[in-house]
Amino acid sequence: MGVQHFGAGSKIIVTSRDRQVLKNGGADKIHEVKKLNDNDSLQLFSTFAFKLLNPTLDFRDLSNKFWGYAQGSPLALKVLGSKLYKKCKEEWVDEADKLN
C-alpha cells in the first residue's frame, strides 16, 4: 500500500444545503444542484435501495420518509438508498428514527 500524492489539480468537493456554510469554509466555486421532483426522487432512491424503480409495498411508507428527508438531493438519495440496500425492515425503522 502506498500513499497517493495529489498535485495542484486536486479538488475537494463539499456538499451542504446551506450556502453560507460553503462561503464560510472558503469555497472557490459554488454549484447549485438541481433538485429532483417527487416521482424522480422516489425512483432514484428505489434504484439504490431495492434495485427497482419503485419500493416494494411493505417498504413504501418508510421509503417516503427517506426520500422526503433527502429533499430532492440526488446525492442524498443515492447515499440513503445504498445504505439501506438488503437491510431488514427493523433496520430501516432504526435508520428512519436516526433522521428525526
PDB file of N, CA and C in Angstrom:
ATOM      1  N   MET A   1       0.832  -1.175   0.000  1.00  0.00           N
ATOM      2  CA  MET A   1       0.000   0.000   0.000  1.00  0.00           C
ATOM      3  C   MET A   1       0.875   1.236   0.000  1.00  0.00           C
ATOM      4  N   GLY A   2       0.481   2.187  -0.789  1.00  0.00           N
ATOM      5  CA  GLY A   2       1.231   3.425  -0.861  1.00  0.00           C
ATOM      6  C   GLY A   2       0.325   4.609  -0.606  1.00  0.00           C
ATOM      7  N   VAL A   3       0.963   5.705  -0.393  1.00  0.00           N
ATOM      8  CA  VAL A   3       0.241   6.947  -0.185  1.00  0.00           C
ATOM      9  C   VAL A   3       0.151   7.660  -1.517  1.00  0.00           C
ATOM     10  N   GLN A   4      -1.043   8.088  -1.857  1.00  0.00           N
ATOM     11  CA  GLN A   4      -1.212   8.816  -3.112  1.00  0.00           C
ATOM     12  C   GLN A   4      -0.935  10.292  -2.872  1.00  0.00           C
ATOM     13  N   HIS A   5      -0.139  10.856  -3.746  1.00  0.00           N
ATOM     14  CA  HIS A   5       0.151  12.277  -3.667  1.00  0.00           C
ATOM     15  C   HIS A   5      -0.622  12.984  -4.772  1.00  0.00           C
ATOM     16  N   PHE A   6      -1.321  14.007  -4.390  1.00  0.00           N
ATOM     17  CA  PHE A   6      -2.117  14.739  -5.349  1.00  0.00           C
ATOM     18  C   PHE A   6      -1.423  16.039  -5.700  1.00  0.00           C
ATOM     19  N   GLY A   7      -1.465  16.358  -6.963  1.00  0.00           N
ATOM     20  CA  GLY A   7      -0.820  17.586  -7.426  1.00  0.00           C
ATOM     21  C   GLY A   7      -1.718  18.784  -7.293  1.00  0.00           C
ATOM     22  N   ALA A   8      -1.338  19.866  -7.953  1.00  0.00           N
ATOM     23  CA  ALA A   8      -2.060  21.132  -7.851  1.00  0.00           C
ATOM     24  C   ALA A   8      -3.463  21.037  -8.444  1.00  0.00           C
ATOM     25  N   GLY A   9      -3.737  19.996  -9.259  1.00  0.00           N
ATOM     26  CA  GLY A   9      -5.066  19.885  -9.863  1.00  0.00           C
ATOM     27  C   GLY A   9      -6.086  19.224  -8.982  1.00  0.00           C
ATOM     28  N   SER A  10      -5.740  18.898  -7.735  1.00  0.00           N
ATOM     29  CA  SER A  10      -6.669  18.225  -6.828  1.00  0.00           C
ATOM     30  C   SER A  10      -7.852  19.120  -6.499  1.00  0.00           C
ATOM     31  N   LYS A  11      -9.009  18.479  -6.304  1.00  0.00           N
ATOM     32  CA  LYS A  11     -10.220  19.200  -5.937  1.00  0.00           C
ATOM     33  C   LYS A  11     -10.865  18.505  -4.746  1.00  0.00           C
ATOM     34  N   ILE A  12     -11.435  19.283  -3.885  1.00  0.00           N
ATOM     35  CA  ILE A  12     -12.216  18.763  -2.772  1.00  0.00           C
ATOM     36  C   ILE A  12     -13.641  19.230  -2.988  1.00  0.00           C
ATOM     37  N   ILE A  13     -14.559  18.297  -2.931  1.00  0.00           N
ATOM     38  CA  ILE A  13     -15.969  18.620  -3.129  1.00  0.00           C
ATOM     39  C   ILE A  13     -16.678  18.508  -1.782  1.00  0.00           C
ATOM     40  N   VAL A  14     -17.346  19.573  -1.405  1.00  0.00           N
ATOM     41  CA  VAL A  14     -18.090  19.630  -0.156  1.00  0.00           C
ATOM     42  C   VAL A  14     -19.541  19.913  -0.506  1.00  0.00           C
ATOM     43  N   THR A  15     -20.457  19.201   0.146  1.00  0.00           N
ATOM     44  CA  THR A  15     -21.866  19.448  -0.114  1.00  0.00           C
ATOM     45  C   THR A  15     -22.536  19.970   1.147  1.00  0.00           C
ATOM     46  N   SER A  16     -23.478  20.877   0.940  1.00  0.00           N
ATOM     47  CA  SER A  16     -24.257  21.433   2.040  1.00  0.00           C
ATOM     48  C   SER A  16     -25.519  22.049   1.469  1.00  0.00           C
ATOM     49  N   ARG A  17     -26.581  22.028   2.253  1.00  0.00           N
ATOM     50  CA  ARG A  17     -27.806  22.712   1.845  1.00  0.00           C
ATOM     51  C   ARG A  17     -27.721  24.198   2.162  1.00  0.00           C
ATOM     52  N   ASP A  18     -26.762  24.564   2.996  1.00  0.00           N
ATOM     53  CA  ASP A  18     -26.614  25.934   3.458  1.00  0.00           C
ATOM     54  C   ASP A  18     -25.453  26.604   2.719  1.00  0.00           C
ATOM     55  N   ARG A  19     -25.767  27.523   1.842  1.00  0.00           N
ATOM     56  CA  ARG A  19     -24.763  28.222   1.035  1.00  0.00           C
ATOM     57  C   ARG A  19     -23.748  28.955   1.913  1.00  0.00           C
ATOM     58  N   GLN A  20     -24.204  29.502   3.051  1.00  0.00           N
ATOM     59  CA  GLN A  20     -23.318  30.254   3.930  1.00  0.00           C
ATOM     60  C   GLN A  20     -22.222  29.367   4.515  1.00  0.00           C
ATOM     61  N   VAL A  21     -22.536  28.110   4.784  1.00  0.00           N
ATOM     62  CA  VAL A  21     -21.535  27.166   5.290  1.00  0.00           C
ATOM     63  C   VAL A  21     -20.402  27.026   4.281  1.00  0.00           C
ATOM     64  N   LEU A  22     -20.756  26.948   3.009  1.00  0.00           N
ATOM     65  CA  LEU A  22     -19.751  26.822   1.957  1.00  0.00           C
ATOM     66  C   LEU A  22     -18.905  28.081   1.845  1.00  0.00           C
ATOM     67  N   LYS A  23     -19.550  29.237   1.929  1.00  0.00           N
ATOM     68  CA  LYS A  23     -18.818  30.508   1.860  1.00  0.00           C
ATOM     69  C   LYS A  23     -17.867  30.650   3.042  1.00  0.00           C
ATOM     70  N   ASN A  24     -18.364  30.321   4.238  1.00  0.00           N
ATOM     71  CA  ASN A  24     -17.527  30.419   5.439  1.00  0.00           C
ATOM     72  C   ASN A  24     -16.345  29.451   5.383  1.00  0.00           C
ATOM     73  N   GLY A  25     -16.518  28.345   4.677  1.00  0.00           N
ATOM     74  CA  GLY A  25     -15.453  27.354   4.547  1.00  0.00           C
ATOM     75  C   GLY A  25     -14.440  27.708   3.470  1.00  0.00           C
ATOM     76  N   GLY A  26     -14.657  28.798   2.769  1.00  0.00           N
ATOM     77  CA  GLY A  26     -13.702  29.248   1.765  1.00  0.00           C
ATOM     78  C   GLY A  26     -13.860  28.593   0.408  1.00  0.00           C
ATOM     79  N   ALA A  27     -15.064  28.165   0.071  1.00  0.00           N
ATOM     80  CA  ALA A  27     -15.304  27.531  -1.223  1.00  0.00           C
ATOM     81  C   ALA A  27     -14.984  28.499  -2.358  1.00  0.00           C
ATOM     82  N   ASP A  28     -14.211  28.013  -3.347  1.00  0.00           N
ATOM     83  CA  ASP A  28     -13.881  28.827  -4.509  1.00  0.00           C
ATOM     84  C   ASP A  28     -15.066  28.966  -5.449  1.00  0.00           C
ATOM     85  N   LYS A  29     -15.754  27.851  -5.650  1.00  0.00           N
ATOM     86  CA  LYS A  29     -16.897  27.842  -6.555  1.00  0.00           C
ATOM     87  C   LYS A  29     -18.051  27.133  -5.864  1.00  0.00           C
ATOM     88  N   ILE A  30     -19.246  27.653  -6.061  1.00  0.00           N
ATOM     89  CA  ILE A  30     -20.440  27.021  -5.515  1.00  0.00           C
ATOM     90  C   ILE A  30     -21.347  26.668  -6.681  1.00  0.00           C
ATOM     91  N   HIS A  31     -21.683  25.396  -6.765  1.00  0.00           N
ATOM     92  CA  HIS A  31     -22.559  24.912  -7.833  1.00  0.00           C
ATOM     93  C   HIS A  31     -23.833  24.392  -7.192  1.00  0.00           C
ATOM     94  N   GLU A  32     -24.963  24.944  -7.588  1.00  0.00           N
ATOM     95  CA  GLU A  32     -26.234  24.501  -7.035  1.00  0.00           C
ATOM     96  C   GLU A  32     -26.752  23.313  -7.843  1.00  0.00           C
ATOM     97  N   VAL A  33     -27.002  22.225  -7.139  1.00  0.00           N
ATOM     98  CA  VAL A  33     -27.502  21.010  -7.777  1.00  0.00           C
ATOM     99  C   VAL A  33     -29.018  21.107  -7.881  1.00  0.00           C
ATOM    100  N   LYS A  34     -29.523  20.831  -9.049  1.00  0.00           N
ATOM    101  CA  LYS A  34     -30.962  20.883  -9.274  1.00  0.00           C
ATOM    102  C   LYS A  34     -31.633  19.750  -8.509  1.00  0.00           C
ATOM    103  N   LYS A  35     -32.689  20.073  -7.781  1.00  0.00           N
ATOM    104  CA  LYS A  35     -33.424  19.068  -7.015  1.00  0.00           C
ATOM    105  C   LYS A  35     -34.342  18.289  -7.942  1.00  0.00           C
ATOM    106  N   LEU A  36     -34.555  17.036  -7.587  1.00  0.00           N
ATOM    107  CA  LEU A  36     -35.454  16.175  -8.354  1.00  0.00           C
ATOM    108  C   LEU A  36     -36.885  16.341  -7.857  1.00  0.00           C
ATOM    109  N   ASN A  37     -37.854  16.121  -8.746  1.00  0.00           N
ATOM    110  CA  ASN A  37     -39.245  16.153  -8.310  1.00  0.00           C
ATOM    111  C   ASN A  37     -39.549  14.882  -7.506  1.00  0.00           C
ATOM    112  N   ASP A  38     -40.719  14.821  -6.905  1.00  0.00           N
ATOM    113  CA  ASP A  38     -41.065  13.704  -6.014  1.00  0.00           C
ATOM    114  C   ASP A  38     -40.977  12.352  -6.701  1.00  0.00           C
ATOM    115  N   ASN A  39     -41.509  12.243  -7.903  1.00  0.00           N
ATOM    116  CA  ASN A  39     -41.516  10.963  -8.610  1.00  0.00           C
ATOM    117  C   ASN A  39     -40.099  10.509  -8.951  1.00  0.00           C
ATOM    118  N   ASP A  40     -39.290  11.417  -9.477  1.00  0.00           N
ATOM    119  CA  ASP A  40     -37.907  11.071  -9.820  1.00  0.00           C
ATOM    120  C   ASP A  40     -37.090  10.750  -8.566  1.00  0.00           C
ATOM    121  N   SER A  41     -37.381  11.469  -7.471  1.00  0.00           N
ATOM    122  CA  SER A  41     -36.691  11.213  -6.210  1.00  0.00           C
ATOM    123  C   SER A  41     -36.958   9.799  -5.714  1.00  0.00           C
ATOM    124  N   LEU A  42     -38.223   9.419  -5.740  1.00  0.00           N
ATOM    125  CA  LEU A  42     -38.591   8.078  -5.275  1.00  0.00           C
ATOM    126  C   LEU A  42     -37.967   7.007  -6.159  1.00  0.00           C
ATOM    127  N   GLN A  43     -37.939   7.231  -7.463  1.00  0.00           N
ATOM    128  CA  GLN A  43     -37.342   6.247  -8.375  1.00  0.00           C
ATOM    129  C   GLN A  43     -35.834   6.133  -8.165  1.00  0.00           C
ATOM    130  N   LEU A  44     -35.148   7.254  -7.978  1.00  0.00           N
ATOM    131  CA  LEU A  44     -33.704   7.202  -7.753  1.00  0.00           C
ATOM    132  C   LEU A  44     -33.401   6.491  -6.437  1.00  0.00           C
ATOM    133  N   PHE A  45     -34.122   6.850  -5.385  1.00  0.00           N
ATOM    134  CA  PHE A  45     -33.941   6.198  -4.090  1.00  0.00           C
ATOM    135  C   PHE A  45     -34.188   4.694  -4.206  1.00  0.00           C
ATOM    136  N   SER A  46     -35.280   4.321  -4.867  1.00  0.00           N
ATOM    137  CA  SER A  46     -35.643   2.904  -5.014  1.00  0.00           C
ATOM    138  C   SER A  46     -34.616   2.129  -5.824  1.00  0.00           C
ATOM    139  N   THR A  47     -34.018   2.775  -6.801  1.00  0.00           N
ATOM    140  CA  THR A  47     -32.998   2.124  -7.615  1.00  0.00           C
ATOM    141  C   THR A  47     -31.821   1.677  -6.751  1.00  0.00           C
ATOM    142  N   PHE A  48     -31.455   2.488  -5.764  1.00  0.00           N
ATOM    143  CA  PHE A  48     -30.339   2.132  -4.893  1.00  0.00           C
ATOM    144  C   PHE A  48     -30.769   1.262  -3.713  1.00  0.00           C
ATOM    145  N   ALA A  49     -31.975   1.485  -3.181  1.00  0.00           N
ATOM    146  CA  ALA A  49     -32.432   0.743  -2.005  1.00  0.00           C
ATOM    147  C   ALA A  49     -32.935  -0.655  -2.349  1.00  0.00           C
ATOM    148  N   PHE A  50     -33.541  -0.810  -3.535  1.00  0.00           N
ATOM    149  CA  PHE A  50     -34.165  -2.090  -3.906  1.00  0.00           C
ATOM    150  C   PHE A  50     -33.671  -2.655  -5.232  1.00  0.00           C
ATOM    151  N   LYS A  51     -32.951  -1.838  -6.005  1.00  0.00           N
ATOM    152  CA  LYS A  51     -32.589  -2.190  -7.386  1.00  0.00           C
ATOM    153  C   LYS A  51     -33.853  -2.334  -8.237  1.00  0.00           C
ATOM    154  N   LEU A  52     -34.871  -1.556  -7.880  1.00  0.00           N
ATOM    155  CA  LEU A  52     -36.144  -1.484  -8.603  1.00  0.00           C
ATOM    156  C   LEU A  52     -36.524  -0.013  -8.755  1.00  0.00           C
ATOM    157  N   LEU A  53     -37.423   0.291  -9.697  1.00  0.00           N
ATOM    158  CA  LEU A  53     -37.837   1.681  -9.887  1.00  0.00           C
ATOM    159  C   LEU A  53     -38.794   2.179  -8.818  1.00  0.00           C
ATOM    160  N   ASN A  54     -39.468   1.263  -8.133  1.00  0.00           N
ATOM    161  CA  ASN A  54     -40.415   1.645  -7.092  1.00  0.00           C
ATOM    162  C   ASN A  54     -40.215   0.755  -5.885  1.00  0.00           C
ATOM    163  N   PRO A  55     -40.468   1.284  -4.682  1.00  0.00           N
ATOM    164  CA  PRO A  55     -40.300   0.453  -3.491  1.00  0.00           C
ATOM    165  C   PRO A  55     -41.347  -0.648  -3.425  1.00  0.00           C
ATOM    166  N   THR A  56     -41.004  -1.723  -2.736  1.00  0.00           N
ATOM    167  CA  THR A  56     -41.984  -2.780  -2.514  1.00  0.00           C
ATOM    168  C   THR A  56     -43.063  -2.229  -1.591  1.00  0.00           C
ATOM    169  N   LEU A  57     -44.253  -2.787  -1.654  1.00  0.00           N
ATOM    170  CA  LEU A  57     -45.382  -2.247  -0.904  1.00  0.00           C
ATOM    171  C   LEU A  57     -45.121  -2.163   0.600  1.00  0.00           C
ATOM    172  N   ASP A  58     -44.477  -3.172   1.165  1.00  0.00           N
ATOM    173  CA  ASP A  58     -44.258  -3.170   2.612  1.00  0.00           C
ATOM    174  C   ASP A  58     -43.194  -2.162   3.055  1.00  0.00           C
ATOM    175  N   PHE A  59     -42.473  -1.574   2.115  1.00  0.00           N
ATOM    176  CA  PHE A  59     -41.467  -0.560   2.441  1.00  0.00           C
ATOM    177  C   PHE A  59     -41.869   0.826   1.928  1.00  0.00           C
ATOM    178  N   ARG A  60     -43.073   0.955   1.405  1.00  0.00           N
ATOM    179  CA  ARG A  60     -43.496   2.214   0.776  1.00  0.00           C
ATOM    180  C   ARG A  60     -43.496   3.390   1.757  1.00  0.00           C
ATOM    181  N   ASP A  61     -44.115   3.220   2.922  1.00  0.00           N
ATOM    182  CA  ASP A  61     -44.181   4.317   3.890  1.00  0.00           C
ATOM    183  C   ASP A  61     -42.791   4.716   4.380  1.00  0.00           C
ATOM    184  N   LEU A  62     -41.953   3.718   4.668  1.00  0.00           N
ATOM    185  CA  LEU A  62     -40.590   4.019   5.105  1.00  0.00           C
ATOM    186  C   LEU A  62     -39.802   4.719   4.003  1.00  0.00           C
ATOM    187  N   SER A  63     -39.988   4.275   2.769  1.00  0.00           N
ATOM    188  CA  SER A  63     -39.301   4.906   1.640  1.00  0.00           C
ATOM    189  C   SER A  63     -39.682   6.370   1.525  1.00  0.00           C
ATOM    190  N   ASN A  64     -40.953   6.672   1.749  1.00  0.00           N
ATOM    191  CA  ASN A  64     -41.418   8.060   1.689  1.00  0.00           C
ATOM    192  C   ASN A  64     -40.691   8.936   2.709  1.00  0.00           C
ATOM    193  N   LYS A  65     -40.417   8.387   3.888  1.00  0.00           N
ATOM    194  CA  LYS A  65     -39.692   9.151   4.914  1.00  0.00           C
ATOM    195  C   LYS A  65     -38.287   9.504   4.433  1.00  0.00           C
ATOM    196  N   PHE A  66     -37.625   8.539   3.809  1.00  0.00           N
ATOM    197  CA  PHE A  66     -36.242   8.768   3.385  1.00  0.00           C
ATOM    198  C   PHE A  66     -36.153   9.727   2.215  1.00  0.00           C
ATOM    199  N   TRP A  67     -36.985   9.538   1.194  1.00  0.00           N
ATOM    200  CA  TRP A  67     -36.850  10.459   0.065  1.00  0.00           C
ATOM    201  C   TRP A  67     -37.387  11.838   0.420  1.00  0.00           C
ATOM    202  N   GLY A  68     -38.306  11.906   1.387  1.00  0.00           N
ATOM    203  CA  GLY A  68     -38.754  13.217   1.874  1.00  0.00           C
ATOM    204  C   GLY A  68     -37.635  13.934   2.606  1.00  0.00           C
ATOM    205  N   TYR A  69     -36.871  13.189   3.382  1.00  0.00           N
ATOM    206  CA  TYR A  69     -35.738  13.752   4.113  1.00  0.00           C
ATOM    207  C   TYR A  69     -34.664  14.290   3.157  1.00  0.00           C
ATOM    208  N   ALA A  70     -34.455  13.588   2.055  1.00  0.00           N
ATOM    209  CA  ALA A  70     -33.415  13.977   1.098  1.00  0.00           C
ATOM    210  C   ALA A  70     -33.762  15.258   0.343  1.00  0.00           C
ATOM    211  N   GLN A  71     -35.014  15.653   0.331  1.00  0.00           N
ATOM    212  CA  GLN A  71     -35.475  16.886  -0.308  1.00  0.00           C
ATOM    213  C   GLN A  71     -35.004  17.041  -1.746  1.00  0.00           C
ATOM    214  N   GLY A  72     -35.045  15.949  -2.495  1.00  0.00           N
ATOM    215  CA  GLY A  72     -34.720  16.018  -3.917  1.00  0.00           C
ATOM    216  C   GLY A  72     -33.244  16.047  -4.246  1.00  0.00           C
ATOM    217  N   SER A  73     -32.373  15.896  -3.252  1.00  0.00           N
ATOM    218  CA  SER A  73     -30.928  15.898  -3.495  1.00  0.00           C
ATOM    219  C   SER A  73     -30.492  14.538  -4.046  1.00  0.00           C
ATOM    220  N   PRO A  74     -30.000  14.492  -5.290  1.00  0.00           N
ATOM    221  CA  PRO A  74     -29.594  13.215  -5.878  1.00  0.00           C
ATOM    222  C   PRO A  74     -28.537  12.482  -5.039  1.00  0.00           C
ATOM    223  N   LEU A  75     -27.568  13.218  -4.506  1.00  0.00           N
ATOM    224  CA  LEU A  75     -26.519  12.580  -3.709  1.00  0.00           C
ATOM    225  C   LEU A  75     -27.097  11.954  -2.442  1.00  0.00           C
ATOM    226  N   ALA A  76     -27.958  12.687  -1.743  1.00  0.00           N
ATOM    227  CA  ALA A  76     -28.569  12.159  -0.519  1.00  0.00           C
ATOM    228  C   ALA A  76     -29.420  10.927  -0.819  1.00  0.00           C
ATOM    229  N   LEU A  77     -30.150  10.956  -1.922  1.00  0.00           N
ATOM    230  CA  LEU A  77     -30.983   9.807  -2.304  1.00  0.00           C
ATOM    231  C   LEU A  77     -30.134   8.574  -2.581  1.00  0.00           C
ATOM    232  N   LYS A  78     -29.015   8.755  -3.256  1.00  0.00           N
ATOM    233  CA  LYS A  78     -28.119   7.628  -3.555  1.00  0.00           C
ATOM    234  C   LYS A  78     -27.488   7.074  -2.284  1.00  0.00           C
ATOM    235  N   VAL A  79     -27.019   7.967  -1.415  1.00  0.00           N
ATOM    236  CA  VAL A  79     -26.359   7.530  -0.183  1.00  0.00           C
ATOM    237  C   VAL A  79     -27.349   6.794   0.723  1.00  0.00           C
ATOM    238  N   LEU A  80     -28.517   7.380   0.938  1.00  0.00           N
ATOM    239  CA  LEU A  80     -29.512   6.741   1.798  1.00  0.00           C
ATOM    240  C   LEU A  80     -29.974   5.407   1.222  1.00  0.00           C
ATOM    241  N   GLY A  81     -30.264   5.385  -0.070  1.00  0.00           N
ATOM    242  CA  GLY A  81     -30.708   4.147  -0.703  1.00  0.00           C
ATOM    243  C   GLY A  81     -29.657   3.054  -0.620  1.00  0.00           C
ATOM    244  N   SER A  82     -28.408   3.401  -0.889  1.00  0.00           N
ATOM    245  CA  SER A  82     -27.316   2.423  -0.832  1.00  0.00           C
ATOM    246  C   SER A  82     -27.124   1.885   0.580  1.00  0.00           C
ATOM    247  N   LYS A  83     -27.278   2.754   1.560  1.00  0.00           N
ATOM    248  CA  LYS A  83     -27.099   2.348   2.954  1.00  0.00           C
ATOM    249  C   LYS A  83     -28.165   1.340   3.389  1.00  0.00           C
ATOM    250  N   LEU A  84     -29.347   1.442   2.826  1.00  0.00           N
ATOM    251  CA  LEU A  84     -30.463   0.586   3.228  1.00  0.00           C
ATOM    252  C   LEU A  84     -30.592  -0.686   2.405  1.00  0.00           C
ATOM    253  N   TYR A  85     -29.849  -0.789   1.339  1.00  0.00           N
ATOM    254  CA  TYR A  85     -29.953  -1.948   0.448  1.00  0.00           C
ATOM    255  C   TYR A  85     -29.712  -3.246   1.216  1.00  0.00           C
ATOM    256  N   LYS A  86     -30.606  -4.192   1.049  1.00  0.00           N
ATOM    257  CA  LYS A  86     -30.549  -5.529   1.665  1.00  0.00           C
ATOM    258  C   LYS A  86     -30.678  -5.525   3.190  1.00  0.00           C
ATOM    259  N   LYS A  87     -31.171  -4.430   3.756  1.00  0.00           N
ATOM    260  CA  LYS A  87     -31.393  -4.393   5.203  1.00  0.00           C
ATOM    261  C   LYS A  87     -32.845  -4.751   5.500  1.00  0.00           C
ATOM    262  N   CYS A  88     -33.063  -5.315   6.689  1.00  0.00           N
ATOM    263  CA  CYS A  88     -34.411  -5.722   7.085  1.00  0.00           C
ATOM    264  C   CYS A  88     -35.220  -4.488   7.504  1.00  0.00           C
ATOM    265  N   LYS A  89     -36.514  -4.694   7.629  1.00  0.00           N
ATOM    266  CA  LYS A  89     -37.421  -3.590   7.942  1.00  0.00           C
ATOM    267  C   LYS A  89     -37.082  -2.938   9.284  1.00  0.00           C
ATOM    268  N   GLU A  90     -36.672  -3.730  10.270  1.00  0.00           N
ATOM    269  CA  GLU A  90     -36.310  -3.174  11.577  1.00  0.00           C
ATOM    270  C   GLU A  90     -35.120  -2.229  11.455  1.00  0.00           C
ATOM    271  N   GLU A  91     -34.154  -2.567  10.607  1.00  0.00           N
ATOM    272  CA  GLU A  91     -33.001  -1.690  10.389  1.00  0.00           C
ATOM    273  C   GLU A  91     -33.426  -0.393   9.699  1.00  0.00           C
ATOM    274  N   TRP A  92     -34.396  -0.492   8.793  1.00  0.00           N
ATOM    275  CA  TRP A  92     -34.933   0.699   8.140  1.00  0.00           C
ATOM    276  C   TRP A  92     -35.578   1.619   9.175  1.00  0.00           C
ATOM    277  N   VAL A  93     -36.350   1.028  10.091  1.00  0.00           N
ATOM    278  CA  VAL A  93     -37.020   1.819  11.127  1.00  0.00           C
ATOM    279  C   VAL A  93     -35.976   2.508  12.009  1.00  0.00           C
ATOM    280  N   ASP A  94     -34.920   1.788  12.380  1.00  0.00           N
ATOM    281  CA  ASP A  94     -33.851   2.381  13.176  1.00  0.00           C
ATOM    282  C   ASP A  94     -33.206   3.564  12.461  1.00  0.00           C
ATOM    283  N   GLU A  95     -32.931   3.400  11.179  1.00  0.00           N
ATOM    284  CA  GLU A  95     -32.324   4.481  10.398  1.00  0.00           C
ATOM    285  C   GLU A  95     -33.269   5.672  10.272  1.00  0.00           C
ATOM    286  N   ALA A  96     -34.561   5.399  10.101  1.00  0.00           N
ATOM    287  CA  ALA A  96     -35.540   6.482   9.998  1.00  0.00           C
ATOM    288  C   ALA A  96     -35.611   7.259  11.309  1.00  0.00           C
ATOM    289  N   ASP A  97     -35.522   6.544  12.435  1.00  0.00           N
ATOM    290  CA  ASP A  97     -35.534   7.197  13.751  1.00  0.00           C
ATOM    291  C   ASP A  97     -34.316   8.101  13.916  1.00  0.00           C
ATOM    292  N   LYS A  98     -33.178   7.687  13.392  1.00  0.00           N
ATOM    293  CA  LYS A  98     -31.961   8.499  13.490  1.00  0.00           C
ATOM    294  C   LYS A  98     -32.097   9.805  12.720  1.00  0.00           C
ATOM    295  N   LEU A  99     -32.858   9.789  11.630  1.00  0.00           N
ATOM    296  CA  LEU A  99     -33.053  11.003  10.837  1.00  0.00           C
ATOM    297  C   LEU A  99     -33.880  12.046  11.574  1.00  0.00           C
ATOM    298  N   ASN A 100     -34.760  11.585  12.452  1.00  0.00           N
ATOM    299  CA  ASN A 100     -35.594  12.515  13.219  1.00  0.00           C
ATOM    300  C   ASN A 100     -34.769  13.166  14.281  1.00  0.00           C
TER     301      ASN A 100
END
